[in-house]
């Protein structure tokens, strides 16, 4: 599905809004946070439904995306190796 088509499905957008919305999305993509650490802009744990305990809040604070990726990969490997059969 094209980005323009997705924008057009929004109830408050008309076809003539595509350019304006595209510029707005590009502006948002260009905003950089104070660090590249995953989590809230002001710091703190990652919130995602991957973390099934504590209301989807990670039990760890990750300093880098690589730390988060390593944790997710480790959990995935553990789950695969513990499946029966």
Protein backbone atom coordinates (compact mmCIF):
# COMPACT_ATOMS: atom_id res chain seq x y z
CA UNK A 1 0.00 0.00 0.00
CA UNK A 2 1.44 3.37 -0.97
CA UNK A 3 1.92 6.11 1.61
CA UNK A 4 -0.37 8.42 -0.33
CA UNK A 5 -3.11 5.81 -0.27
CA UNK A 6 -2.74 5.35 3.50
CA UNK A 7 -3.01 9.12 4.02
CA UNK A 8 -6.07 9.24 1.80
CA UNK A 9 -7.79 6.65 4.04
CA UNK A 10 -7.63 9.09 6.97
CA UNK A 11 -11.09 10.62 7.53
CA UNK A 12 -9.92 14.24 7.74
CA UNK A 13 -7.72 14.21 4.64
CA UNK A 14 -8.62 14.97 1.07
CA UNK A 15 -6.61 14.20 -2.02
CA UNK A 16 -5.28 17.76 -2.16
CA UNK A 17 -3.79 17.26 1.36
CA UNK A 18 -1.25 14.62 0.24
CA UNK A 19 1.60 17.09 -0.30
CA UNK A 20 1.00 18.90 2.99
CA UNK A 21 0.80 15.64 4.93
CA UNK A 22 3.93 14.30 3.22
CA UNK A 23 5.86 17.42 4.22
CA UNK A 24 4.59 17.10 7.80
CA UNK A 25 5.67 13.44 7.96
CA UNK A 26 9.12 14.34 6.60
CA UNK A 27 9.45 17.09 9.22
CA UNK A 28 8.55 14.63 11.99
CA UNK A 29 11.04 12.06 10.68
CA UNK A 30 13.76 14.71 10.81
CA UNK A 31 13.30 15.44 14.53
CA UNK A 32 16.12 13.93 16.56
CA UNK A 33 15.89 13.17 20.26
CA UNK A 34 18.57 14.06 22.77
CA UNK A 35 20.07 10.56 22.48
CA UNK A 36 19.69 7.46 20.35
CA UNK A 37 18.82 5.27 23.35
CA UNK A 38 15.52 3.45 22.94
CA UNK A 39 12.74 4.50 25.29
CA UNK A 40 11.14 7.78 26.24
CA UNK A 41 12.72 11.01 25.01
CA UNK A 42 13.52 12.03 28.57
CA UNK A 43 14.92 8.57 29.41
CA UNK A 44 13.38 5.51 30.94
CA UNK A 45 12.33 2.01 29.96
CA UNK A 46 10.90 0.96 26.63
CA UNK A 47 7.15 0.36 26.56
CA UNK A 48 5.89 -2.25 24.08
CA UNK A 49 3.59 -5.26 24.15
CA UNK A 50 6.69 -7.47 23.68
CA UNK A 51 7.24 -6.96 27.42
CA UNK A 52 4.36 -8.94 28.87
CA UNK A 53 4.88 -7.97 32.50
CA UNK A 54 4.45 -4.63 34.27
CA UNK A 55 2.05 -3.14 31.74
CA UNK A 56 4.33 -3.66 28.74
CA UNK A 57 7.30 -1.91 30.38
CA UNK A 58 10.78 -3.32 29.90
CA UNK A 59 12.48 -4.48 33.09
CA UNK A 60 15.68 -2.88 31.81
CA UNK A 61 16.78 0.49 30.53
CA UNK A 62 18.71 0.06 27.29
CA UNK A 63 21.52 2.48 26.54
CA UNK A 64 21.70 1.49 22.88
CA UNK A 65 19.52 -0.09 20.23
CA UNK A 66 22.03 -2.97 20.11
CA UNK A 67 21.35 -3.75 23.78
CA UNK A 68 17.61 -3.91 23.10
CA UNK A 69 18.16 -6.04 20.00
CA UNK A 70 20.42 -8.44 21.90
CA UNK A 71 17.80 -8.83 24.63
CA UNK A 72 14.99 -9.47 22.13
CA UNK A 73 17.15 -11.96 20.21
CA UNK A 74 18.11 -13.74 23.44
CA UNK A 75 14.48 -14.08 24.50
CA UNK A 76 13.56 -15.37 21.04
CA UNK A 77 16.35 -17.97 21.11
CA UNK A 78 15.34 -19.08 24.61
CA UNK A 79 11.70 -19.48 23.60
CA UNK A 80 12.59 -21.50 20.51
CA UNK A 81 14.91 -23.83 22.44
CA UNK A 82 12.30 -24.49 25.16
CA UNK A 83 9.39 -25.38 22.86
CA UNK A 84 8.32 -29.01 23.13
CA UNK A 85 8.66 -31.33 20.21
